[in-house]
Amino acid sequence: MPYFTYQNKKIFFEEYGTGIPLLLLHGNSLSSRMFLPVVDDLQKYAKVILIDFLGNGYSDRLSSISDDLWYDEAQQAISLIDYLGYSQVNLLGSSGGALVALNIALERPDLVGKIVADSFEGETPLESFVTNIYQDRAISKENLWLRTLYQQNHGDDWENVVDNDTLAIYTHYQNHKTFFHKNLCELNLPVLLTGSKEDEFMSGEFFENVYTKLPIRDKRICIFEHGGHPAMISNKDTFIPLVISFLKNIEK
């Protein structure tokens, strides 16, 4: 399996297809395996790159995850782009991966073409989500479907991975309050913002209201009527053509 080294740790990555690079950025408590349902479709149009952030999937484990985790994961992804020698990479991040994508673009806009940010909270954490995260994660670990999902993404040590992620998210809320080191108004790249009205974490008009207020100059918003979290998986048959149209400058 291919790896590169970041701060003396091995990070797993994979590449599929040919064309303009499209880096997929996974959400919290998951790994690049979450994208397996969409890789075949996406690699028809782009060179798809997968990465497992440190502490997740096939990458080396950490005793603890940085409390500035989405910024730190952006630095890992930037190192991968540099390692591969790419520029003008398109980014597709889902949930926590969307926060990583925006952090990459803010820190190294010279490396980025376009951004798809799916199913995320906006600029700041949701207090209701963070304050209940220990209870919600405990419940999730007792759910057979989610236990299986965690194990498929991480292996037999999945519970420790989930616990480390839970602590990092909670500590981030205590210490940082915002997801980004720079203001989103500094971002001068095209961004497609997506979500679902039936998202189990942020339902109804949440995404429409939050995305509309984001100070991103060049943004397009698409909210799906149905489907759970994240929208890119629950609405993949509609989501994939939408993304390809956006990346190829085709109006739909």
C-alpha atoms as a PDB file:
ATOM      1  CA  MET A   1       0.000   0.000   0.000  1.00  0.00           C
ATOM      2  CA  PRO A   2       1.337   3.488  -0.822  1.00  0.00           C
ATOM      3  CA  TYR A   3       2.386   5.772   2.029  1.00  0.00           C
ATOM      4  CA  PHE A   4       4.224   9.039   2.483  1.00  0.00           C
ATOM      5  CA  THR A   5       5.869  10.336   5.649  1.00  0.00           C
ATOM      6  CA  TYR A   6       4.577  13.322   7.594  1.00  0.00           C
ATOM      7  CA  GLN A   7       6.266  14.279  10.872  1.00  0.00           C
ATOM      8  CA  ASN A   8       7.807  10.789  11.112  1.00  0.00           C
ATOM      9  CA  LYS A   9       4.408   9.113  10.668  1.00  0.00           C
ATOM     10  CA  LYS A  10       3.161   7.120   7.686  1.00  0.00           C
ATOM     11  CA  ILE A  11       0.050   8.428   5.915  1.00  0.00           C
ATOM     12  CA  PHE A  12      -1.832   6.163   3.531  1.00  0.00           C
ATOM     13  CA  PHE A  13      -2.980   7.400   0.120  1.00  0.00           C
ATOM     14  CA  GLU A  14      -4.239   5.933  -3.149  1.00  0.00           C
ATOM     15  CA  GLU A  15      -4.757   7.217  -6.699  1.00  0.00           C
ATOM     16  CA  TYR A  16      -7.302   6.120  -9.286  1.00  0.00           C
ATOM     17  CA  GLY A  17      -7.852   7.150 -12.900  1.00  0.00           C
ATOM     18  CA  THR A  18      -6.243   9.904 -14.950  1.00  0.00           C
ATOM     19  CA  GLY A  19      -6.765  13.609 -15.561  1.00  0.00           C
ATOM     20  CA  ILE A  20      -6.924  16.633 -13.276  1.00  0.00           C
ATOM     21  CA  PRO A  21      -6.330  15.560  -9.652  1.00  0.00           C
ATOM     22  CA  LEU A  22      -9.365  15.458  -7.348  1.00  0.00           C
ATOM     23  CA  LEU A  23      -8.467  14.965  -3.694  1.00  0.00           C
ATOM     24  CA  LEU A  24     -11.219  13.419  -1.542  1.00  0.00           C
ATOM     25  CA  LEU A  25     -11.164  14.339   2.155  1.00  0.00           C
ATOM     26  CA  HIS A  26     -12.985  12.084   4.600  1.00  0.00           C
ATOM     27  CA  GLY A  27     -15.089  13.016   7.596  1.00  0.00           C
ATOM     28  CA  ASN A  28     -14.531  12.437  11.296  1.00  0.00           C
ATOM     29  CA  SER A  29     -14.349   8.900  12.699  1.00  0.00           C
ATOM     30  CA  LEU A  30     -14.193   7.563   9.136  1.00  0.00           C
ATOM     31  CA  SER A  31     -11.480   7.014   6.516  1.00  0.00           C
ATOM     32  CA  SER A  32     -11.096   7.184   2.761  1.00  0.00           C
ATOM     33  CA  ARG A  33     -13.166   3.988   2.582  1.00  0.00           C
ATOM     34  CA  MET A  34     -16.247   6.199   2.933  1.00  0.00           C
ATOM     35  CA  PHE A  35     -15.663   7.237  -0.687  1.00  0.00           C
ATOM     36  CA  LEU A  36     -15.654   3.728  -2.183  1.00  0.00           C
ATOM     37  CA  PRO A  37     -19.273   4.138  -3.424  1.00  0.00           C
ATOM     38  CA  VAL A  38     -18.254   7.125  -5.591  1.00  0.00           C
ATOM     39  CA  VAL A  39     -14.662   6.413  -6.663  1.00  0.00           C
ATOM     40  CA  ASP A  40     -15.589   4.416  -9.788  1.00  0.00           C
ATOM     41  CA  ASP A  41     -17.832   7.183 -11.096  1.00  0.00           C
ATOM     42  CA  LEU A  42     -15.430  10.006 -10.269  1.00  0.00           C
ATOM     43  CA  GLN A  43     -12.345   8.388 -11.765  1.00  0.00           C
ATOM     44  CA  LYS A  44     -13.999   8.472 -15.190  1.00  0.00           C
ATOM     45  CA  TYR A  45     -13.521  12.246 -15.113  1.00  0.00           C
ATOM     46  CA  ALA A  46     -10.517  12.865 -12.852  1.00  0.00           C
ATOM     47  CA  LYS A  47      -7.467  11.391 -11.139  1.00  0.00           C
ATOM     48  CA  VAL A  48      -9.016  10.579  -7.784  1.00  0.00           C
ATOM     49  CA  ILE A  49      -6.727  10.784  -4.757  1.00  0.00           C
ATOM     50  CA  LEU A  50      -7.673   9.262  -1.414  1.00  0.00           C
ATOM     51  CA  ILE A  51      -5.983   9.979   1.914  1.00  0.00           C
ATOM     52  CA  ASP A  52      -6.415   8.586   5.418  1.00  0.00           C
ATOM     53  CA  PHE A  53      -5.621  11.297   7.945  1.00  0.00           C
ATOM     54  CA  LEU A  54      -3.282  10.309  10.756  1.00  0.00           C
ATOM     55  CA  GLY A  55      -5.028   8.209  13.374  1.00  0.00           C
ATOM     56  CA  ASN A  56      -7.543   6.880  10.838  1.00  0.00           C
ATOM     57  CA  GLY A  57      -7.891   4.043   8.345  1.00  0.00           C
ATOM     58  CA  TYR A  58      -4.575   2.591   7.158  1.00  0.00           C
ATOM     59  CA  SER A  59      -2.481   5.526   8.415  1.00  0.00           C
ATOM     60  CA  ASP A  60      -0.326   5.404  11.527  1.00  0.00           C
ATOM     61  CA  ARG A  61      -2.094   5.784  14.836  1.00  0.00           C
ATOM     62  CA  LEU A  62      -1.600   8.682  17.247  1.00  0.00           C
ATOM     63  CA  SER A  63      -1.738   8.620  21.027  1.00  0.00           C
ATOM     64  CA  SER A  64      -3.974  11.672  20.689  1.00  0.00           C
ATOM     65  CA  ILE A  65      -5.299  13.808  17.825  1.00  0.00           C
ATOM     66  CA  SER A  66      -4.508  17.526  17.677  1.00  0.00           C
ATOM     67  CA  ASP A  67      -7.278  19.693  19.126  1.00  0.00           C
ATOM     68  CA  ASP A  68      -6.817  21.838  16.007  1.00  0.00           C
ATOM     69  CA  LEU A  69      -7.584  18.721  14.028  1.00  0.00           C
ATOM     70  CA  TRP A  70      -9.097  20.123  10.810  1.00  0.00           C
ATOM     71  CA  TYR A  71      -6.209  22.557  10.386  1.00  0.00           C
ATOM     72  CA  ASP A  72      -3.684  19.822  11.152  1.00  0.00           C
ATOM     73  CA  GLU A  73      -5.361  17.470   8.661  1.00  0.00           C
ATOM     74  CA  ALA A  74      -5.185  20.245   6.066  1.00  0.00           C
ATOM     75  CA  GLN A  75      -1.417  20.371   6.639  1.00  0.00           C
ATOM     76  CA  GLN A  76      -1.255  16.611   6.080  1.00  0.00           C
ATOM     77  CA  ALA A  77      -3.148  16.958   2.793  1.00  0.00           C
ATOM     78  CA  ILE A  78      -0.962  19.872   1.679  1.00  0.00           C
ATOM     79  CA  SER A  79       2.091  17.700   2.328  1.00  0.00           C
ATOM     80  CA  LEU A  80       0.589  14.953   0.164  1.00  0.00           C
ATOM     81  CA  ILE A  81      -0.068  17.377  -2.710  1.00  0.00           C
ATOM     82  CA  ASP A  82       3.516  18.615  -2.462  1.00  0.00           C
ATOM     83  CA  TYR A  83       4.807  15.038  -2.250  1.00  0.00           C
ATOM     84  CA  LEU A  84       2.954  14.106  -5.442  1.00  0.00           C
ATOM     85  CA  GLY A  85       4.121  17.280  -7.169  1.00  0.00           C
ATOM     86  CA  TYR A  86       0.630  18.451  -8.129  1.00  0.00           C
ATOM     87  CA  SER A  87      -0.807  21.942  -8.471  1.00  0.00           C
ATOM     88  CA  GLN A  88      -4.345  23.153  -9.163  1.00  0.00           C
ATOM     89  CA  VAL A  89      -5.827  20.153  -7.386  1.00  0.00           C
ATOM     90  CA  ASN A  90      -9.600  20.128  -7.006  1.00  0.00           C
ATOM     91  CA  LEU A  91     -10.848  19.306  -3.505  1.00  0.00           C
ATOM     92  CA  LEU A  92     -13.939  17.412  -2.414  1.00  0.00           C
ATOM     93  CA  GLY A  93     -14.462  17.234   1.325  1.00  0.00           C
ATOM     94  CA  SER A  94     -17.426  15.837   3.207  1.00  0.00           C
ATOM     95  CA  SER A  95     -18.460  16.804   6.761  1.00  0.00           C
ATOM     96  CA  GLY A  96     -15.170  17.269   8.652  1.00  0.00           C
ATOM     97  CA  GLY A  97     -13.399  16.792   5.334  1.00  0.00           C
ATOM     98  CA  ALA A  98     -15.142  19.914   4.038  1.00  0.00           C
ATOM     99  CA  LEU A  99     -13.520  21.889   6.859  1.00  0.00           C
ATOM    100  CA  VAL A 100     -10.177  20.407   5.826  1.00  0.00           C
ATOM    101  CA  ALA A 101     -10.762  21.381   2.174  1.00  0.00           C
ATOM    102  CA  LEU A 102     -11.482  24.993   3.084  1.00  0.00           C
ATOM    103  CA  ASN A 103      -8.451  25.120   5.372  1.00  0.00           C
ATOM    104  CA  ILE A 104      -6.244  23.831   2.533  1.00  0.00           C
ATOM    105  CA  ALA A 105      -7.584  26.510   0.181  1.00  0.00           C
ATOM    106  CA  LEU A 106      -7.097  29.269   2.760  1.00  0.00           C
ATOM    107  CA  GLU A 107      -3.531  28.235   3.563  1.00  0.00           C
ATOM    108  CA  ARG A 108      -2.317  27.228   0.091  1.00  0.00           C
ATOM    109  CA  PRO A 109      -4.590  28.678  -2.611  1.00  0.00           C
ATOM    110  CA  ASP A 110      -1.749  28.202  -5.106  1.00  0.00           C
ATOM    111  CA  LEU A 111      -2.333  24.441  -4.941  1.00  0.00           C
ATOM    112  CA  VAL A 112      -6.109  24.486  -5.403  1.00  0.00           C
ATOM    113  CA  GLY A 113      -8.436  24.762  -8.380  1.00  0.00           C
ATOM    114  CA  LYS A 114     -12.013  24.345  -7.143  1.00  0.00           C
ATOM    115  CA  ILE A 115     -13.613  23.175  -3.910  1.00  0.00           C
ATOM    116  CA  VAL A 116     -16.674  21.065  -3.157  1.00  0.00           C
ATOM    117  CA  ALA A 117     -17.626  21.328   0.529  1.00  0.00           C
ATOM    118  CA  ASP A 118     -20.397  18.947   1.546  1.00  0.00           C
ATOM    119  CA  SER A 119     -22.516  18.712   4.705  1.00  0.00           C
ATOM    120  CA  PHE A 120     -20.586  20.871   7.195  1.00  0.00           C
ATOM    121  CA  GLU A 121     -21.508  23.283   9.985  1.00  0.00           C
ATOM    122  CA  GLY A 122     -20.178  26.569   8.678  1.00  0.00           C
ATOM    123  CA  GLU A 123     -17.459  28.664  10.323  1.00  0.00           C
ATOM    124  CA  THR A 124     -17.995  27.613  13.943  1.00  0.00           C
ATOM    125  CA  PRO A 125     -18.953  24.399  15.772  1.00  0.00           C
ATOM    126  CA  LEU A 126     -22.527  23.692  16.721  1.00  0.00           C
ATOM    127  CA  GLU A 127     -22.742  23.908  20.512  1.00  0.00           C
ATOM    128  CA  SER A 128     -25.632  21.435  20.592  1.00  0.00           C
ATOM    129  CA  PHE A 129     -23.563  18.870  18.697  1.00  0.00           C
ATOM    130  CA  VAL A 130     -20.343  19.268  20.694  1.00  0.00           C
ATOM    131  CA  THR A 131     -21.929  19.314  24.154  1.00  0.00           C
ATOM    132  CA  ASN A 132     -23.710  16.021  23.395  1.00  0.00           C
ATOM    133  CA  ILE A 133     -20.884  14.360  21.501  1.00  0.00           C
ATOM    134  CA  TYR A 134     -19.773  11.966  24.254  1.00  0.00           C
ATOM    135  CA  GLN A 135     -23.300  10.698  24.751  1.00  0.00           C
ATOM    136  CA  ASP A 136     -23.984  10.481  21.012  1.00  0.00           C
ATOM    137  CA  ARG A 137     -20.725   8.658  20.289  1.00  0.00           C
ATOM    138  CA  ALA A 138     -21.397   6.186  23.130  1.00  0.00           C
ATOM    139  CA  ILE A 139     -24.779   5.420  21.572  1.00  0.00           C
ATOM    140  CA  SER A 140     -23.196   5.076  18.124  1.00  0.00           C
ATOM    141  CA  LYS A 141     -20.711   2.506  19.434  1.00  0.00           C
ATOM    142  CA  GLU A 142     -23.618   0.330  20.547  1.00  0.00           C
ATOM    143  CA  ASN A 143     -25.318   0.532  17.134  1.00  0.00           C
ATOM    144  CA  LEU A 144     -24.499  -2.625  15.156  1.00  0.00           C
ATOM    145  CA  TRP A 145     -24.522  -0.862  11.770  1.00  0.00           C
ATOM    146  CA  LEU A 146     -22.221   1.919  12.978  1.00  0.00           C
ATOM    147  CA  ARG A 147     -19.913  -0.517  14.786  1.00  0.00           C
ATOM    148  CA  THR A 148     -19.538  -2.401  11.523  1.00  0.00           C
ATOM    149  CA  LEU A 149     -18.919   0.850   9.638  1.00  0.00           C
ATOM    150  CA  TYR A 150     -16.245   1.929  12.119  1.00  0.00           C
ATOM    151  CA  GLN A 151     -14.546  -1.466  11.891  1.00  0.00           C
ATOM    152  CA  GLN A 152     -14.618  -1.425   8.093  1.00  0.00           C
ATOM    153  CA  ASN A 153     -12.947   1.987   8.114  1.00  0.00           C
ATOM    154  CA  HIS A 154     -10.335   1.401  10.816  1.00  0.00           C
ATOM    155  CA  GLY A 155      -9.957  -2.249  11.719  1.00  0.00           C
ATOM    156  CA  ASP A 156     -10.048  -3.887  15.128  1.00  0.00           C
ATOM    157  CA  ASP A 157      -8.874  -0.784  17.014  1.00  0.00           C
ATOM    158  CA  TRP A 158     -11.840   1.256  15.748  1.00  0.00           C
ATOM    159  CA  GLU A 159     -13.107   2.105  19.231  1.00  0.00           C
ATOM    160  CA  ASN A 160      -9.865   3.824  20.206  1.00  0.00           C
ATOM    161  CA  VAL A 161      -9.944   5.750  16.908  1.00  0.00           C
ATOM    162  CA  VAL A 162     -13.480   6.959  17.587  1.00  0.00           C
ATOM    163  CA  ASP A 163     -12.641   7.908  21.188  1.00  0.00           C
ATOM    164  CA  ASN A 164      -9.589   9.925  20.101  1.00  0.00           C
ATOM    165  CA  ASP A 165     -11.675  11.745  17.502  1.00  0.00           C
ATOM    166  CA  THR A 166     -14.410  12.476  20.035  1.00  0.00           C
ATOM    167  CA  LEU A 167     -11.911  13.998  22.476  1.00  0.00           C
ATOM    168  CA  ALA A 168     -10.299  16.100  19.728  1.00  0.00           C
ATOM    169  CA  ILE A 169     -13.647  17.524  18.592  1.00  0.00           C
ATOM    170  CA  TYR A 170     -14.672  18.384  22.155  1.00  0.00           C
ATOM    171  CA  THR A 171     -11.290  19.928  23.011  1.00  0.00           C
ATOM    172  CA  HIS A 172     -11.305  21.943  19.786  1.00  0.00           C
ATOM    173  CA  TYR A 173     -14.588  23.510  20.834  1.00  0.00           C
ATOM    174  CA  GLN A 174     -13.125  24.424  24.227  1.00  0.00           C
ATOM    175  CA  ASN A 175      -9.893  25.899  22.852  1.00  0.00           C
ATOM    176  CA  HIS A 176     -10.522  27.280  19.377  1.00  0.00           C
ATOM    177  CA  LYS A 177     -14.213  28.010  18.710  1.00  0.00           C
ATOM    178  CA  THR A 178     -13.662  28.519  14.953  1.00  0.00           C
ATOM    179  CA  PHE A 179     -12.654  26.028  12.252  1.00  0.00           C
ATOM    180  CA  PHE A 180     -10.294  28.278  10.295  1.00  0.00           C
ATOM    181  CA  HIS A 181      -7.117  30.266  10.939  1.00  0.00           C
ATOM    182  CA  LYS A 182      -8.019  32.779   8.234  1.00  0.00           C
ATOM    183  CA  ASN A 183     -11.261  34.504   7.291  1.00  0.00           C
ATOM    184  CA  LEU A 184     -13.290  32.887   4.532  1.00  0.00           C
ATOM    185  CA  CYS A 185     -13.581  36.286   2.855  1.00  0.00           C
ATOM    186  CA  GLU A 186      -9.921  35.805   1.867  1.00  0.00           C
ATOM    187  CA  LEU A 187     -10.898  32.796  -0.249  1.00  0.00           C
ATOM    188  CA  ASN A 188     -10.980  33.694  -3.926  1.00  0.00           C
ATOM    189  CA  LEU A 189     -11.671  30.281  -5.450  1.00  0.00           C
ATOM    190  CA  PRO A 190     -14.908  28.723  -6.754  1.00  0.00           C
ATOM    191  CA  VAL A 191     -16.735  26.751  -4.071  1.00  0.00           C
ATOM    192  CA  LEU A 192     -19.740  24.422  -4.385  1.00  0.00           C
ATOM    193  CA  LEU A 193     -21.597  24.022  -1.071  1.00  0.00           C
ATOM    194  CA  THR A 194     -23.906  21.025  -0.690  1.00  0.00           C
ATOM    195  CA  GLY A 195     -26.101  19.435   1.947  1.00  0.00           C
ATOM    196  CA  SER A 196     -29.401  17.684   2.558  1.00  0.00           C
ATOM    197  CA  LYS A 197     -32.566  18.890   4.260  1.00  0.00           C
ATOM    198  CA  GLU A 198     -32.905  15.437   5.853  1.00  0.00           C
ATOM    199  CA  ASP A 199     -29.399  15.426   7.353  1.00  0.00           C
ATOM    200  CA  GLU A 200     -29.729  13.806  10.773  1.00  0.00           C
ATOM    201  CA  PHE A 201     -27.332  16.320  12.348  1.00  0.00           C
ATOM    202  CA  MET A 202     -28.338  19.553  10.576  1.00  0.00           C
ATOM    203  CA  SER A 203     -31.811  19.250   9.098  1.00  0.00           C
ATOM    204  CA  GLY A 204     -34.386  21.537   7.540  1.00  0.00           C
ATOM    205  CA  GLU A 205     -33.172  24.928   6.350  1.00  0.00           C
ATOM    206  CA  PHE A 206     -29.902  24.737   8.296  1.00  0.00           C
ATOM    207  CA  PHE A 207     -27.527  24.441   5.349  1.00  0.00           C
ATOM    208  CA  GLU A 208     -29.335  27.054   3.260  1.00  0.00           C
ATOM    209  CA  ASN A 209     -29.209  29.547   6.136  1.00  0.00           C
ATOM    210  CA  VAL A 210     -25.589  28.877   7.097  1.00  0.00           C
ATOM    211  CA  TYR A 211     -24.155  28.643   3.580  1.00  0.00           C
ATOM    212  CA  THR A 212     -25.896  31.828   2.461  1.00  0.00           C
ATOM    213  CA  LYS A 213     -24.155  33.773   5.235  1.00  0.00           C
ATOM    214  CA  LEU A 214     -20.662  32.406   4.568  1.00  0.00           C
ATOM    215  CA  PRO A 215     -18.421  35.236   3.283  1.00  0.00           C
ATOM    216  CA  ILE A 216     -17.177  33.244   0.286  1.00  0.00           C
ATOM    217  CA  ARG A 217     -17.067  35.425  -2.827  1.00  0.00           C
ATOM    218  CA  ASP A 218     -17.500  32.768  -5.514  1.00  0.00           C
ATOM    219  CA  LYS A 219     -19.943  30.200  -4.181  1.00  0.00           C
ATOM    220  CA  ARG A 220     -22.736  28.030  -5.484  1.00  0.00           C
ATOM    221  CA  ILE A 221     -25.223  26.338  -3.153  1.00  0.00           C
ATOM    222  CA  CYS A 222     -27.123  23.109  -3.829  1.00  0.00           C
ATOM    223  CA  ILE A 223     -29.351  21.632  -1.113  1.00  0.00           C
ATOM    224  CA  PHE A 224     -30.970  18.226  -1.686  1.00  0.00           C
ATOM    225  CA  GLU A 225     -34.522  17.674  -0.498  1.00  0.00           C
ATOM    226  CA  HIS A 226     -33.858  14.109   0.658  1.00  0.00           C
ATOM    227  CA  GLY A 227     -31.040  11.927   1.926  1.00  0.00           C
ATOM    228  CA  GLY A 228     -29.071  11.637   5.132  1.00  0.00           C
ATOM    229  CA  HIS A 229     -25.551  12.592   6.202  1.00  0.00           C
ATOM    230  CA  PRO A 230     -23.481  13.154   4.160  1.00  0.00           C
ATOM    231  CA  ALA A 231     -25.394  14.320   1.113  1.00  0.00           C
ATOM    232  CA  MET A 232     -22.678  13.215  -1.318  1.00  0.00           C
ATOM    233  CA  ILE A 233     -23.264   9.557  -0.413  1.00  0.00           C
ATOM    234  CA  SER A 234     -27.027   9.588   0.167  1.00  0.00           C
ATOM    235  CA  ASN A 235     -27.595  11.525  -3.087  1.00  0.00           C
ATOM    236  CA  LYS A 236     -24.665  10.160  -5.078  1.00  0.00           C
ATOM    237  CA  ASP A 237     -26.574   9.589  -8.341  1.00  0.00           C
ATOM    238  CA  THR A 238     -27.405  13.306  -8.481  1.00  0.00           C
ATOM    239  CA  PHE A 239     -24.324  14.520  -6.642  1.00  0.00           C
ATOM    240  CA  ILE A 240     -21.730  13.056  -9.042  1.00  0.00           C
ATOM    241  CA  PRO A 241     -23.074  14.780 -12.208  1.00  0.00           C
ATOM    242  CA  LEU A 242     -23.423  18.008 -10.217  1.00  0.00           C
ATOM    243  CA  VAL A 243     -19.773  17.870  -9.138  1.00  0.00           C
ATOM    244  CA  ILE A 244     -18.525  17.003 -12.611  1.00  0.00           C
ATOM    245  CA  SER A 245     -20.506  19.894 -14.095  1.00  0.00           C
ATOM    246  CA  PHE A 246     -19.067  22.255 -11.495  1.00  0.00           C
ATOM    247  CA  LEU A 247     -15.491  21.111 -12.039  1.00  0.00           C
ATOM    248  CA  LYS A 248     -15.816  21.253 -15.814  1.00  0.00           C
ATOM    249  CA  ASN A 249     -17.585  24.632 -15.916  1.00  0.00           C
ATOM    250  CA  ILE A 250     -20.772  23.150 -17.356  1.00  0.00           C
ATOM    251  CA  GLU A 251     -23.948  24.984 -16.325  1.00  0.00           C
ATOM    252  CA  LYS A 252     -26.876  22.809 -15.253  1.00  0.00           C
END
